[in-house]
Amino acid sequence: MLYVAKRLAVSLLLIWVVATVVFMTLHMVPGDPAEVLLSTGGTSPDPYAVAELREKLGLDRPLLVQYAEFLERLTRFDLGNSLVDDYPVAEEIALRLPRTLELILAGTLIAVVIALPTATYAALHAGGAFDRAASATAAVLQALPVFVLGTLLILLLAQWLRWMPAGGYVPLAQDPGRHFLLLLLPAVAVAKGLAATVFRMARASVLDQLSRDHVRTARAKGLTQGRVMRRHVVRNAMIPVTTVLGLQMGTLLGGTVLVEYVFNWPGLSTPLLRAVEGRDYPMVVGIVLVVSGLFLLINLVMDLLYAVLDPRISRS
């Protein structure tokens, strides 16, 4: 319990640091945000309109007061309203975030299901034809940009073969079959880089465990290959793999923007791109804070998973 409390306290501290950095970065951007938002075609905005918008955004108050109000709103999960359509930022994120998370989880599941067995088999037959082919494929996938793979998938499977729809979204409750069909291609695109990374790490980790003394001793005692792999190799090999998997899942939170755009998947990318183009600061800040918080949450879950895989970690 002490280990869990420590990790939770560190995560809360990091959330506060991220929120502070986001707030300070917003106020360090050159120029008056109100003037920038009201400027069109290079003309100077009406000073009265600028003053009114500054008051609406709270920019006319002292910086410390703005910071205190910012933190107080965060404790209530109040991210303000969009400057474009005056829609609550939290509600927009609550609508879009589950779709992005679904895409990430589906991609992660595909990557793990493919990469872990492949890496284990390749490590057991290191140097063989399968190992060389799998390693080469992982290298190619690692280097292939996600938007290129997405375009190729659409061109091959949707345009030429007409096996899959090119993109779009249907709510799960409306048509589950169509929903998962539309999810498949973007999930494969998301899984591409993650599968390559997990394969390389898992293969190296399994090879390292296979060379350990305790594994050789287990084999000398007459344990079967399957039992040796389950009890002495795979579990220990999963600790570094879990580290990489957690970091990559956090990275995918920001890396799905291109995938969602290519496949027209209505996740967080649509409001984020619109907010950046329209300089909708509350929306940008809200999405950045939510993504950062999820990244920290994933790291917390990974830390707790380490303790399950290796109980010695929780006693350190």
C-alpha atoms as a PDB file:
ATOM      1  CA  MET A   1       0.000   0.000   0.000  1.00  0.00           C
ATOM      2  CA  LEU A   2       2.897   2.358   0.734  1.00  0.00           C
ATOM      3  CA  TYR A   3       4.245   1.796  -2.777  1.00  0.00           C
ATOM      4  CA  VAL A   4       0.822   2.590  -4.281  1.00  0.00           C
ATOM      5  CA  ALA A   5       0.491   5.725  -2.134  1.00  0.00           C
ATOM      6  CA  LYS A   6       3.936   6.947  -3.215  1.00  0.00           C
ATOM      7  CA  ARG A   7       3.234   6.421  -6.899  1.00  0.00           C
ATOM      8  CA  LEU A   8      -0.162   8.119  -6.592  1.00  0.00           C
ATOM      9  CA  ALA A   9       1.379  11.120  -4.819  1.00  0.00           C
ATOM     10  CA  VAL A  10       4.040  11.456  -7.514  1.00  0.00           C
ATOM     11  CA  SER A  11       1.369  11.292 -10.229  1.00  0.00           C
ATOM     12  CA  LEU A  12      -0.713  14.027  -8.578  1.00  0.00           C
ATOM     13  CA  LEU A  13       2.389  16.201  -8.233  1.00  0.00           C
ATOM     14  CA  LEU A  14       3.213  15.736 -11.913  1.00  0.00           C
ATOM     15  CA  ILE A  15      -0.349  16.645 -12.906  1.00  0.00           C
ATOM     16  CA  TRP A  16       0.033  19.919 -10.996  1.00  0.00           C
ATOM     17  CA  VAL A  17       3.392  20.552 -12.710  1.00  0.00           C
ATOM     18  CA  VAL A  18       1.896  19.914 -16.154  1.00  0.00           C
ATOM     19  CA  ALA A  19      -1.052  22.212 -15.426  1.00  0.00           C
ATOM     20  CA  THR A  20       1.324  24.944 -14.259  1.00  0.00           C
ATOM     21  CA  VAL A  21       3.548  24.591 -17.331  1.00  0.00           C
ATOM     22  CA  VAL A  22       0.513  24.745 -19.641  1.00  0.00           C
ATOM     23  CA  PHE A  23      -0.771  27.862 -17.876  1.00  0.00           C
ATOM     24  CA  MET A  24       2.594  29.637 -17.989  1.00  0.00           C
ATOM     25  CA  THR A  25       3.194  28.663 -21.614  1.00  0.00           C
ATOM     26  CA  LEU A  26      -0.158  30.159 -22.592  1.00  0.00           C
ATOM     27  CA  HIS A  27       0.782  33.462 -20.972  1.00  0.00           C
ATOM     28  CA  MET A  28       4.314  33.496 -22.385  1.00  0.00           C
ATOM     29  CA  VAL A  29       3.128  33.414 -25.999  1.00  0.00           C
ATOM     30  CA  PRO A  30       4.021  36.776 -27.587  1.00  0.00           C
ATOM     31  CA  GLY A  31       1.127  39.114 -28.211  1.00  0.00           C
ATOM     32  CA  ASP A  32      -2.270  39.629 -26.641  1.00  0.00           C
ATOM     33  CA  PRO A  33      -4.464  36.531 -27.158  1.00  0.00           C
ATOM     34  CA  ALA A  34      -7.557  38.739 -27.383  1.00  0.00           C
ATOM     35  CA  GLU A  35      -6.024  40.836 -30.163  1.00  0.00           C
ATOM     36  CA  VAL A  36      -4.836  37.734 -32.001  1.00  0.00           C
ATOM     37  CA  LEU A  37      -8.284  36.147 -31.852  1.00  0.00           C
ATOM     38  CA  LEU A  38     -10.014  39.271 -33.137  1.00  0.00           C
ATOM     39  CA  SER A  39      -7.477  40.112 -35.827  1.00  0.00           C
ATOM     40  CA  THR A  40      -8.674  39.269 -39.337  1.00  0.00           C
ATOM     41  CA  GLY A  41      -6.988  40.016 -42.623  1.00  0.00           C
ATOM     42  CA  GLY A  42      -4.135  41.889 -40.937  1.00  0.00           C
ATOM     43  CA  THR A  43      -6.416  44.682 -39.703  1.00  0.00           C
ATOM     44  CA  SER A  44      -6.318  45.983 -36.153  1.00  0.00           C
ATOM     45  CA  PRO A  45      -9.330  44.913 -34.064  1.00  0.00           C
ATOM     46  CA  ASP A  46     -11.664  47.306 -32.295  1.00  0.00           C
ATOM     47  CA  PRO A  47     -10.116  48.236 -28.896  1.00  0.00           C
ATOM     48  CA  TYR A  48     -13.524  47.960 -27.211  1.00  0.00           C
ATOM     49  CA  ALA A  49     -13.975  44.429 -28.565  1.00  0.00           C
ATOM     50  CA  VAL A  50     -10.474  43.538 -27.382  1.00  0.00           C
ATOM     51  CA  ALA A  51     -11.208  44.871 -23.891  1.00  0.00           C
ATOM     52  CA  GLU A  52     -14.491  42.940 -23.776  1.00  0.00           C
ATOM     53  CA  LEU A  53     -12.798  39.698 -24.822  1.00  0.00           C
ATOM     54  CA  ARG A  54      -9.965  40.215 -22.335  1.00  0.00           C
ATOM     55  CA  GLU A  55     -12.555  40.550 -19.582  1.00  0.00           C
ATOM     56  CA  LYS A  56     -14.380  37.443 -20.810  1.00  0.00           C
ATOM     57  CA  LEU A  57     -11.146  35.430 -20.800  1.00  0.00           C
ATOM     58  CA  GLY A  58     -10.067  36.857 -17.453  1.00  0.00           C
ATOM     59  CA  LEU A  59      -6.894  38.335 -18.949  1.00  0.00           C
ATOM     60  CA  ASP A  60      -7.489  41.700 -17.280  1.00  0.00           C
ATOM     61  CA  ARG A  61      -6.873  40.229 -13.813  1.00  0.00           C
ATOM     62  CA  PRO A  62      -3.448  39.811 -12.120  1.00  0.00           C
ATOM     63  CA  LEU A  63      -1.473  36.726 -13.187  1.00  0.00           C
ATOM     64  CA  LEU A  64      -1.565  35.087  -9.748  1.00  0.00           C
ATOM     65  CA  VAL A  65      -5.319  35.552  -9.575  1.00  0.00           C
ATOM     66  CA  GLN A  66      -5.684  33.960 -13.019  1.00  0.00           C
ATOM     67  CA  TYR A  67      -3.461  31.068 -11.921  1.00  0.00           C
ATOM     68  CA  ALA A  68      -5.486  30.476  -8.737  1.00  0.00           C
ATOM     69  CA  GLU A  69      -8.753  30.555 -10.696  1.00  0.00           C
ATOM     70  CA  PHE A  70      -7.250  28.204 -13.284  1.00  0.00           C
ATOM     71  CA  LEU A  71      -6.315  25.621 -10.635  1.00  0.00           C
ATOM     72  CA  GLU A  72      -9.649  26.020  -8.870  1.00  0.00           C
ATOM     73  CA  ARG A  73     -11.536  25.323 -12.101  1.00  0.00           C
ATOM     74  CA  LEU A  74      -9.391  22.251 -12.712  1.00  0.00           C
ATOM     75  CA  THR A  75     -10.399  20.802  -9.343  1.00  0.00           C
ATOM     76  CA  ARG A  76     -13.987  21.007 -10.607  1.00  0.00           C
ATOM     77  CA  PHE A  77     -12.998  19.630 -14.029  1.00  0.00           C
ATOM     78  CA  ASP A  78     -14.099  22.930 -15.532  1.00  0.00           C
ATOM     79  CA  LEU A  79     -12.008  23.565 -18.656  1.00  0.00           C
ATOM     80  CA  GLY A  80     -13.986  26.604 -19.785  1.00  0.00           C
ATOM     81  CA  ASN A  81     -15.848  27.143 -23.040  1.00  0.00           C
ATOM     82  CA  SER A  82     -14.635  27.091 -26.617  1.00  0.00           C
ATOM     83  CA  LEU A  83     -13.976  30.516 -28.095  1.00  0.00           C
ATOM     84  CA  VAL A  84     -15.334  29.355 -31.438  1.00  0.00           C
ATOM     85  CA  ASP A  85     -18.808  28.091 -30.562  1.00  0.00           C
ATOM     86  CA  ASP A  86     -18.955  28.737 -26.778  1.00  0.00           C
ATOM     87  CA  TYR A  87     -19.443  24.985 -26.222  1.00  0.00           C
ATOM     88  CA  PRO A  88     -18.045  23.571 -22.934  1.00  0.00           C
ATOM     89  CA  VAL A  89     -14.590  22.138 -23.557  1.00  0.00           C
ATOM     90  CA  ALA A  90     -15.075  19.322 -21.036  1.00  0.00           C
ATOM     91  CA  GLU A  91     -18.228  18.119 -22.813  1.00  0.00           C
ATOM     92  CA  GLU A  92     -16.502  18.142 -26.213  1.00  0.00           C
ATOM     93  CA  ILE A  93     -13.579  16.155 -24.820  1.00  0.00           C
ATOM     94  CA  ALA A  94     -15.928  13.741 -23.028  1.00  0.00           C
ATOM     95  CA  LEU A  95     -17.638  13.078 -26.367  1.00  0.00           C
ATOM     96  CA  ARG A  96     -14.445  12.614 -28.394  1.00  0.00           C
ATOM     97  CA  LEU A  97     -12.024  11.036 -25.930  1.00  0.00           C
ATOM     98  CA  PRO A  98     -13.694   7.582 -25.700  1.00  0.00           C
ATOM     99  CA  ARG A  99     -13.336   7.231 -29.472  1.00  0.00           C
ATOM    100  CA  THR A 100      -9.624   8.007 -29.352  1.00  0.00           C
ATOM    101  CA  LEU A 101      -9.129   5.652 -26.395  1.00  0.00           C
ATOM    102  CA  GLU A 102     -11.027   2.912 -28.218  1.00  0.00           C
ATOM    103  CA  LEU A 103      -8.729   3.335 -31.208  1.00  0.00           C
ATOM    104  CA  ILE A 104      -5.620   3.214 -29.002  1.00  0.00           C
ATOM    105  CA  LEU A 105      -6.801   0.162 -27.055  1.00  0.00           C
ATOM    106  CA  ALA A 106      -7.753  -1.694 -30.249  1.00  0.00           C
ATOM    107  CA  GLY A 107      -4.362  -0.885 -31.796  1.00  0.00           C
ATOM    108  CA  THR A 108      -2.541  -1.939 -28.635  1.00  0.00           C
ATOM    109  CA  LEU A 109      -4.444  -5.225 -28.475  1.00  0.00           C
ATOM    110  CA  ILE A 110      -3.616  -5.995 -32.112  1.00  0.00           C
ATOM    111  CA  ALA A 111       0.036  -5.101 -31.567  1.00  0.00           C
ATOM    112  CA  VAL A 112       0.421  -7.231 -28.435  1.00  0.00           C
ATOM    113  CA  VAL A 113      -1.429 -10.257 -29.840  1.00  0.00           C
ATOM    114  CA  ILE A 114       0.809 -10.227 -32.925  1.00  0.00           C
ATOM    115  CA  ALA A 115       4.147  -9.054 -31.497  1.00  0.00           C
ATOM    116  CA  LEU A 116       4.537 -11.102 -28.301  1.00  0.00           C
ATOM    117  CA  PRO A 117       4.063 -14.624 -29.751  1.00  0.00           C
ATOM    118  CA  THR A 118       6.084 -13.676 -32.829  1.00  0.00           C
ATOM    119  CA  ALA A 119       8.926 -12.289 -30.708  1.00  0.00           C
ATOM    120  CA  THR A 120       8.966 -15.351 -28.438  1.00  0.00           C
ATOM    121  CA  TYR A 121       9.084 -17.756 -31.370  1.00  0.00           C
ATOM    122  CA  ALA A 122      11.780 -15.686 -33.086  1.00  0.00           C
ATOM    123  CA  ALA A 123      13.890 -15.669 -29.915  1.00  0.00           C
ATOM    124  CA  LEU A 124      13.574 -19.441 -29.560  1.00  0.00           C
ATOM    125  CA  HIS A 125      14.786 -19.792 -33.154  1.00  0.00           C
ATOM    126  CA  ALA A 126      17.275 -16.928 -33.120  1.00  0.00           C
ATOM    127  CA  GLY A 127      19.267 -16.645 -36.325  1.00  0.00           C
ATOM    128  CA  GLY A 128      16.838 -18.757 -38.316  1.00  0.00           C
ATOM    129  CA  ALA A 129      14.845 -17.794 -41.380  1.00  0.00           C
ATOM    130  CA  PHE A 130      11.746 -16.870 -39.349  1.00  0.00           C
ATOM    131  CA  ASP A 131      13.773 -14.684 -36.988  1.00  0.00           C
ATOM    132  CA  ARG A 132      15.442 -12.827 -39.846  1.00  0.00           C
ATOM    133  CA  ALA A 133      12.161 -12.310 -41.708  1.00  0.00           C
ATOM    134  CA  ALA A 134      10.315 -11.111 -38.608  1.00  0.00           C
ATOM    135  CA  SER A 135      13.136  -8.728 -37.627  1.00  0.00           C
ATOM    136  CA  ALA A 136      13.268  -7.275 -41.141  1.00  0.00           C
ATOM    137  CA  THR A 137       9.499  -6.787 -41.177  1.00  0.00           C
ATOM    138  CA  ALA A 138       9.626  -5.034 -37.803  1.00  0.00           C
ATOM    139  CA  ALA A 139      12.359  -2.690 -39.085  1.00  0.00           C
ATOM    140  CA  VAL A 140      10.303  -1.789 -42.153  1.00  0.00           C
ATOM    141  CA  LEU A 141       7.165  -1.170 -40.091  1.00  0.00           C
ATOM    142  CA  GLN A 142       9.142   0.956 -37.638  1.00  0.00           C
ATOM    143  CA  ALA A 143      10.363   3.207 -40.458  1.00  0.00           C
ATOM    144  CA  LEU A 144       7.079   3.420 -42.380  1.00  0.00           C
ATOM    145  CA  PRO A 145       5.160   6.649 -41.587  1.00  0.00           C
ATOM    146  CA  VAL A 146       1.695   6.013 -40.245  1.00  0.00           C
ATOM    147  CA  PHE A 147      -0.042   8.237 -42.804  1.00  0.00           C
ATOM    148  CA  VAL A 148       1.707   6.315 -45.616  1.00  0.00           C
ATOM    149  CA  LEU A 149       0.527   2.979 -44.214  1.00  0.00           C
ATOM    150  CA  GLY A 150      -2.979   4.363 -43.731  1.00  0.00           C
ATOM    151  CA  THR A 151      -3.106   5.589 -47.313  1.00  0.00           C
ATOM    152  CA  LEU A 152      -1.820   2.236 -48.594  1.00  0.00           C
ATOM    153  CA  LEU A 153      -4.416   0.332 -46.564  1.00  0.00           C
ATOM    154  CA  ILE A 154      -7.201   2.496 -47.965  1.00  0.00           C
ATOM    155  CA  LEU A 155      -5.867   2.182 -51.507  1.00  0.00           C
ATOM    156  CA  LEU A 156      -5.439  -1.602 -51.358  1.00  0.00           C
ATOM    157  CA  LEU A 157      -8.282  -2.837 -49.170  1.00  0.00           C
ATOM    158  CA  ALA A 158     -10.904  -0.139 -49.782  1.00  0.00           C
ATOM    159  CA  GLN A 159     -10.301   1.138 -53.301  1.00  0.00           C
ATOM    160  CA  TRP A 160      -8.837  -1.836 -55.178  1.00  0.00           C
ATOM    161  CA  LEU A 161     -10.164  -4.922 -53.404  1.00  0.00           C
ATOM    162  CA  ARG A 162     -13.220  -3.234 -51.848  1.00  0.00           C
ATOM    163  CA  TRP A 163     -13.017  -5.483 -48.801  1.00  0.00           C
ATOM    164  CA  MET A 164     -13.165  -2.686 -46.241  1.00  0.00           C
ATOM    165  CA  PRO A 165     -14.719   0.780 -45.994  1.00  0.00           C
ATOM    166  CA  ALA A 166     -12.255   3.640 -46.538  1.00  0.00           C
ATOM    167  CA  GLY A 167     -13.153   5.360 -43.297  1.00  0.00           C
ATOM    168  CA  GLY A 168     -15.866   6.955 -41.226  1.00  0.00           C
ATOM    169  CA  TYR A 169     -17.601   6.269 -37.932  1.00  0.00           C
ATOM    170  CA  VAL A 170     -20.800   4.595 -36.784  1.00  0.00           C
ATOM    171  CA  PRO A 171     -21.741   4.505 -33.068  1.00  0.00           C
ATOM    172  CA  LEU A 172     -21.414   1.101 -31.451  1.00  0.00           C
ATOM    173  CA  ALA A 173     -25.023   1.110 -30.220  1.00  0.00           C
ATOM    174  CA  GLN A 174     -26.321   1.907 -33.699  1.00  0.00           C
ATOM    175  CA  ASP A 175     -24.531  -0.855 -35.637  1.00  0.00           C
ATOM    176  CA  PRO A 176     -21.899  -2.937 -33.758  1.00  0.00           C
ATOM    177  CA  GLY A 177     -20.749  -4.847 -36.846  1.00  0.00           C
ATOM    178  CA  ARG A 178     -20.254  -1.713 -38.935  1.00  0.00           C
ATOM    179  CA  HIS A 179     -18.589   0.014 -35.975  1.00  0.00           C
ATOM    180  CA  PHE A 180     -15.871  -2.621 -35.584  1.00  0.00           C
ATOM    181  CA  LEU A 181     -15.432  -2.868 -39.348  1.00  0.00           C
ATOM    182  CA  LEU A 182     -14.701   0.858 -39.511  1.00  0.00           C
ATOM    183  CA  LEU A 183     -12.412   0.542 -36.479  1.00  0.00           C
ATOM    184  CA  LEU A 184     -10.236  -2.219 -37.952  1.00  0.00           C
ATOM    185  CA  LEU A 185      -8.141  -0.304 -40.500  1.00  0.00           C
ATOM    186  CA  PRO A 186      -7.272   2.675 -38.256  1.00  0.00           C
ATOM    187  CA  ALA A 187      -6.489   0.260 -35.417  1.00  0.00           C
ATOM    188  CA  VAL A 188      -4.087  -1.642 -37.691  1.00  0.00           C
ATOM    189  CA  ALA A 189      -2.431   1.665 -38.638  1.00  0.00           C
ATOM    190  CA  VAL A 190      -2.050   2.556 -34.948  1.00  0.00           C
ATOM    191  CA  ALA A 191      -0.696  -0.923 -34.153  1.00  0.00           C
ATOM    192  CA  LYS A 192       2.006  -0.721 -36.808  1.00  0.00           C
ATOM    193  CA  GLY A 193       4.736   1.113 -34.907  1.00  0.00           C
ATOM    194  CA  LEU A 194       3.753  -0.314 -31.528  1.00  0.00           C
ATOM    195  CA  ALA A 195       3.938  -3.899 -32.788  1.00  0.00           C
ATOM    196  CA  ALA A 196       7.413  -3.317 -34.216  1.00  0.00           C
ATOM    197  CA  THR A 197       8.664  -1.761 -30.958  1.00  0.00           C
ATOM    198  CA  VAL A 198       7.139  -4.470 -28.747  1.00  0.00           C
ATOM    199  CA  PHE A 199       8.526  -7.205 -31.006  1.00  0.00           C
ATOM    200  CA  ARG A 200      12.082  -5.897 -30.826  1.00  0.00           C
ATOM    201  CA  MET A 201      11.981  -5.381 -27.064  1.00  0.00           C
ATOM    202  CA  ALA A 202      10.259  -8.717 -26.351  1.00  0.00           C
ATOM    203  CA  ARG A 203      12.680 -10.628 -28.571  1.00  0.00           C
ATOM    204  CA  ALA A 204      15.714  -9.074 -26.879  1.00  0.00           C
ATOM    205  CA  SER A 205      14.224  -9.642 -23.428  1.00  0.00           C
ATOM    206  CA  VAL A 206      13.359 -13.302 -24.101  1.00  0.00           C
ATOM    207  CA  LEU A 207      16.858 -13.916 -25.508  1.00  0.00           C
ATOM    208  CA  ASP A 208      18.346 -12.380 -22.373  1.00  0.00           C
ATOM    209  CA  GLN A 209      16.222 -14.576 -20.097  1.00  0.00           C
ATOM    210  CA  LEU A 210      17.051 -17.719 -22.072  1.00  0.00           C
ATOM    211  CA  SER A 211      20.749 -17.152 -21.347  1.00  0.00           C
ATOM    212  CA  ARG A 212      20.265 -16.794 -17.581  1.00  0.00           C
ATOM    213  CA  ASP A 213      21.618 -19.426 -15.159  1.00  0.00           C
ATOM    214  CA  HIS A 214      18.272 -20.129 -13.524  1.00  0.00           C
ATOM    215  CA  VAL A 215      16.751 -21.024 -16.915  1.00  0.00           C
ATOM    216  CA  ARG A 216      19.588 -23.424 -17.680  1.00  0.00           C
ATOM    217  CA  THR A 217      19.177 -24.933 -14.215  1.00  0.00           C
ATOM    218  CA  ALA A 218      15.437 -25.401 -14.778  1.00  0.00           C
ATOM    219  CA  ARG A 219      16.124 -27.191 -18.027  1.00  0.00           C
ATOM    220  CA  ALA A 220      18.770 -29.365 -16.365  1.00  0.00           C
ATOM    221  CA  LYS A 221      16.156 -30.439 -13.814  1.00  0.00           C
ATOM    222  CA  GLY A 222      14.066 -31.843 -16.634  1.00  0.00           C
ATOM    223  CA  LEU A 223      11.326 -29.215 -16.803  1.00  0.00           C
ATOM    224  CA  THR A 224       9.493 -29.111 -20.118  1.00  0.00           C
ATOM    225  CA  GLN A 225      10.104 -26.258 -22.538  1.00  0.00           C
ATOM    226  CA  GLY A 226       6.588 -24.917 -22.019  1.00  0.00           C
ATOM    227  CA  ARG A 227       6.952 -24.834 -18.247  1.00  0.00           C
ATOM    228  CA  VAL A 228      10.351 -23.184 -18.429  1.00  0.00           C
ATOM    229  CA  MET A 229       8.964 -20.513 -20.737  1.00  0.00           C
ATOM    230  CA  ARG A 230       5.902 -19.835 -18.587  1.00  0.00           C
ATOM    231  CA  ARG A 231       7.554 -19.841 -15.153  1.00  0.00           C
ATOM    232  CA  HIS A 232      11.065 -18.572 -15.767  1.00  0.00           C
ATOM    233  CA  VAL A 233      11.254 -16.723 -19.092  1.00  0.00           C
ATOM    234  CA  VAL A 234       8.057 -15.003 -20.162  1.00  0.00           C
ATOM    235  CA  ARG A 235       7.132 -13.464 -16.814  1.00  0.00           C
ATOM    236  CA  ASN A 236      10.582 -11.950 -16.255  1.00  0.00           C
ATOM    237  CA  ALA A 237      10.804 -10.870 -19.890  1.00  0.00           C
ATOM    238  CA  MET A 238       7.540  -8.941 -19.590  1.00  0.00           C
ATOM    239  CA  ILE A 239       8.943  -6.318 -17.184  1.00  0.00           C
ATOM    240  CA  PRO A 240      10.953  -4.332 -19.788  1.00  0.00           C
ATOM    241  CA  VAL A 241       8.229  -5.012 -22.349  1.00  0.00           C
ATOM    242  CA  THR A 242       5.675  -3.488 -19.986  1.00  0.00           C
ATOM    243  CA  THR A 243       7.854  -0.391 -19.665  1.00  0.00           C
ATOM    244  CA  VAL A 244       8.017   0.084 -23.426  1.00  0.00           C
ATOM    245  CA  LEU A 245       4.326  -0.709 -23.834  1.00  0.00           C
ATOM    246  CA  GLY A 246       3.333   1.915 -21.259  1.00  0.00           C
ATOM    247  CA  LEU A 247       5.505   4.607 -22.845  1.00  0.00           C
ATOM    248  CA  GLN A 248       4.273   3.782 -26.333  1.00  0.00           C
ATOM    249  CA  MET A 249       0.612   3.816 -25.275  1.00  0.00           C
ATOM    250  CA  GLY A 250       1.162   7.275 -23.830  1.00  0.00           C
ATOM    251  CA  THR A 251       2.813   8.375 -27.060  1.00  0.00           C
ATOM    252  CA  LEU A 252      -0.149   7.052 -29.043  1.00  0.00           C
ATOM    253  CA  LEU A 253      -2.408   9.560 -27.283  1.00  0.00           C
ATOM    254  CA  GLY A 254      -0.757  12.261 -29.356  1.00  0.00           C
ATOM    255  CA  GLY A 255       0.155  10.067 -32.296  1.00  0.00           C
ATOM    256  CA  THR A 256      -3.358   9.127 -33.375  1.00  0.00           C
ATOM    257  CA  VAL A 257      -4.027  12.579 -34.839  1.00  0.00           C
ATOM    258  CA  LEU A 258      -2.865  11.603 -38.334  1.00  0.00           C
ATOM    259  CA  VAL A 259      -4.613   8.228 -38.177  1.00  0.00           C
ATOM    260  CA  GLU A 260      -7.923   9.812 -37.189  1.00  0.00           C
ATOM    261  CA  TYR A 261      -7.524  12.383 -39.940  1.00  0.00           C
ATOM    262  CA  VAL A 262      -6.705   9.819 -42.644  1.00  0.00           C
ATOM    263  CA  PHE A 263      -9.577   7.497 -41.713  1.00  0.00           C
ATOM    264  CA  ASN A 264     -12.029  10.254 -40.742  1.00  0.00           C
ATOM    265  CA  TRP A 265     -12.330   8.825 -37.226  1.00  0.00           C
ATOM    266  CA  PRO A 266     -13.984  11.522 -35.035  1.00  0.00           C
ATOM    267  CA  GLY A 267     -11.695  11.431 -32.014  1.00  0.00           C
ATOM    268  CA  LEU A 268      -9.759  14.235 -30.351  1.00  0.00           C
ATOM    269  CA  SER A 269      -7.877  15.141 -33.531  1.00  0.00           C
ATOM    270  CA  THR A 270     -10.805  17.009 -35.095  1.00  0.00           C
ATOM    271  CA  PRO A 271     -11.369  19.542 -32.264  1.00  0.00           C
ATOM    272  CA  LEU A 272      -7.613  19.822 -31.694  1.00  0.00           C
ATOM    273  CA  LEU A 273      -6.826  20.722 -35.294  1.00  0.00           C
ATOM    274  CA  ARG A 274      -9.792  23.077 -35.421  1.00  0.00           C
ATOM    275  CA  ALA A 275      -8.718  24.712 -32.166  1.00  0.00           C
ATOM    276  CA  VAL A 276      -5.136  25.201 -33.335  1.00  0.00           C
ATOM    277  CA  GLU A 277      -6.247  26.703 -36.639  1.00  0.00           C
ATOM    278  CA  GLY A 278      -8.806  28.967 -34.931  1.00  0.00           C
ATOM    279  CA  ARG A 279      -6.557  29.766 -31.956  1.00  0.00           C
ATOM    280  CA  ASP A 280      -9.162  28.404 -29.581  1.00  0.00           C
ATOM    281  CA  TYR A 281      -6.942  28.477 -26.497  1.00  0.00           C
ATOM    282  CA  PRO A 282      -9.355  26.893 -23.970  1.00  0.00           C
ATOM    283  CA  MET A 283      -9.882  23.900 -26.270  1.00  0.00           C
ATOM    284  CA  VAL A 284      -6.141  23.464 -26.894  1.00  0.00           C
ATOM    285  CA  VAL A 285      -5.328  23.750 -23.186  1.00  0.00           C
ATOM    286  CA  GLY A 286      -8.133  21.354 -22.250  1.00  0.00           C
ATOM    287  CA  ILE A 287      -7.016  18.676 -24.702  1.00  0.00           C
ATOM    288  CA  VAL A 288      -3.350  19.049 -23.713  1.00  0.00           C
ATOM    289  CA  LEU A 289      -4.210  18.691 -20.025  1.00  0.00           C
ATOM    290  CA  VAL A 290      -6.424  15.644 -20.583  1.00  0.00           C
ATOM    291  CA  VAL A 291      -3.838  13.905 -22.772  1.00  0.00           C
ATOM    292  CA  SER A 292      -1.083  14.684 -20.248  1.00  0.00           C
ATOM    293  CA  GLY A 293      -3.215  13.393 -17.390  1.00  0.00           C
ATOM    294  CA  LEU A 294      -3.944  10.166 -19.270  1.00  0.00           C
ATOM    295  CA  PHE A 295      -0.241   9.738 -20.023  1.00  0.00           C
ATOM    296  CA  LEU A 296       0.524   9.999 -16.298  1.00  0.00           C
ATOM    297  CA  LEU A 297      -2.329   7.614 -15.494  1.00  0.00           C
ATOM    298  CA  ILE A 298      -0.928   5.040 -17.913  1.00  0.00           C
ATOM    299  CA  ASN A 299       2.491   5.358 -16.276  1.00  0.00           C
ATOM    300  CA  LEU A 300       0.883   4.866 -12.853  1.00  0.00           C
ATOM    301  CA  VAL A 301      -0.864   1.704 -14.057  1.00  0.00           C
ATOM    302  CA  MET A 302       2.423   0.430 -15.501  1.00  0.00           C
ATOM    303  CA  ASP A 303       4.198   1.083 -12.182  1.00  0.00           C
ATOM    304  CA  LEU A 304       1.533  -0.910 -10.344  1.00  0.00           C
ATOM    305  CA  LEU A 305       1.801  -3.678 -12.920  1.00  0.00           C
ATOM    306  CA  TYR A 306       5.550  -3.896 -12.270  1.00  0.00           C
ATOM    307  CA  ALA A 307       4.769  -4.717  -8.645  1.00  0.00           C
ATOM    308  CA  VAL A 308       2.509  -7.554  -9.789  1.00  0.00           C
ATOM    309  CA  LEU A 309       5.115  -8.978 -12.165  1.00  0.00           C
ATOM    310  CA  ASP A 310       7.953  -8.567  -9.661  1.00  0.00           C
ATOM    311  CA  PRO A 311       6.832  -8.174  -5.997  1.00  0.00           C
ATOM    312  CA  ARG A 312      10.367  -7.067  -5.032  1.00  0.00           C
ATOM    313  CA  ILE A 313       9.687  -3.694  -6.681  1.00  0.00           C
ATOM    314  CA  SER A 314       6.912  -2.818  -4.211  1.00  0.00           C
ATOM    315  CA  ARG A 315       9.312  -3.461  -1.304  1.00  0.00           C
ATOM    316  CA  SER A 316      12.056  -1.208  -2.636  1.00  0.00           C
END
